[in-house]
């Protein structure tokens, strides 16, 4: 089992605040660490490549935050 707690692109809802929060986080990650935020579909793709067979997403109350659990 592998658990990811992070900003997940595309799960924050349709409000402008949710979209802005996730976009700002992606920009901050790019600037600070050369990283980015990933969508659930992108997480599914790289977890499958790593040998995981199933993923589950649980949305949290904070805009754009979620927990993705990957199972082997």
Protein backbone atom coordinates (compact mmCIF):
# COMPACT_ATOMS: atom_id res chain seq x y z
CA UNK A 1 0.00 0.00 0.00
CA UNK A 2 1.20 3.52 -0.85
CA UNK A 3 -0.60 6.65 0.38
CA UNK A 4 -0.33 10.12 -1.17
CA UNK A 5 -1.59 13.19 0.71
CA UNK A 6 -1.31 16.22 -1.54
CA UNK A 7 -2.99 18.78 -3.75
CA UNK A 8 -4.67 16.76 -6.49
CA UNK A 9 -5.34 18.66 -9.71
CA UNK A 10 -8.99 18.70 -10.73
CA UNK A 11 -10.69 17.56 -7.50
CA UNK A 12 -11.17 20.90 -5.78
CA UNK A 13 -14.57 21.67 -7.22
CA UNK A 14 -15.70 24.35 -9.62
CA UNK A 15 -15.24 27.46 -7.47
CA UNK A 16 -12.64 29.99 -8.53
CA UNK A 17 -11.02 29.74 -5.09
CA UNK A 18 -10.55 25.97 -5.45
CA UNK A 19 -9.03 26.33 -8.90
CA UNK A 20 -6.79 29.19 -7.78
CA UNK A 21 -5.56 27.28 -4.71
CA UNK A 22 -4.53 24.24 -6.74
CA UNK A 23 -2.94 26.38 -9.48
CA UNK A 24 -1.03 28.42 -6.91
CA UNK A 25 0.27 25.23 -5.29
CA UNK A 26 1.46 23.94 -8.67
CA UNK A 27 3.24 27.23 -9.37
CA UNK A 28 4.85 27.20 -5.93
CA UNK A 29 6.04 23.59 -6.37
CA UNK A 30 7.47 24.44 -9.79
CA UNK A 31 9.33 27.44 -8.42
CA UNK A 32 10.57 25.83 -5.20
CA UNK A 33 11.30 22.25 -6.20
CA UNK A 34 10.83 21.82 -9.94
CA UNK A 35 7.64 19.84 -9.26
CA UNK A 36 3.96 20.09 -10.16
CA UNK A 37 0.53 18.89 -9.05
CA UNK A 38 -0.91 15.76 -10.66
CA UNK A 39 -4.45 14.75 -11.60
CA UNK A 40 -6.01 11.49 -10.41
CA UNK A 41 -5.61 10.11 -13.95
CA UNK A 42 -1.87 10.91 -13.91
CA UNK A 43 -1.49 9.25 -10.50
CA UNK A 44 -3.37 6.19 -11.80
CA UNK A 45 -0.98 5.98 -14.78
CA UNK A 46 2.28 6.17 -12.83
CA UNK A 47 1.01 3.93 -10.01
CA UNK A 48 0.00 1.27 -12.56
CA UNK A 49 3.47 1.52 -14.12
CA UNK A 50 4.93 0.95 -10.62
CA UNK A 51 2.90 -2.24 -10.20
CA UNK A 52 -0.12 -1.02 -8.26
CA UNK A 53 -3.45 -2.46 -9.38
CA UNK A 54 -6.01 -0.17 -7.73
CA UNK A 55 -6.21 3.42 -6.47
CA UNK A 56 -8.82 5.16 -4.33
CA UNK A 57 -9.29 8.92 -3.92
CA UNK A 58 -10.69 10.53 -0.79
CA UNK A 59 -11.33 14.27 -1.07
CA UNK A 60 -10.53 16.36 1.98
CA UNK A 61 -12.30 19.55 3.11
CA UNK A 62 -9.42 21.83 2.07
CA UNK A 63 -9.72 22.96 -1.59
CA UNK A 64 -7.90 20.56 -3.89
CA UNK A 65 -6.46 18.35 -1.15
CA UNK A 66 -6.97 14.63 -1.27
CA UNK A 67 -5.61 11.28 -0.19
CA UNK A 68 -4.87 8.70 -2.87
CA UNK A 69 -4.36 5.15 -1.64
CA UNK A 70 -2.61 2.79 -4.07
CA UNK A 71 -2.91 -0.98 -3.63
CA UNK A 72 -0.79 -3.83 -5.00
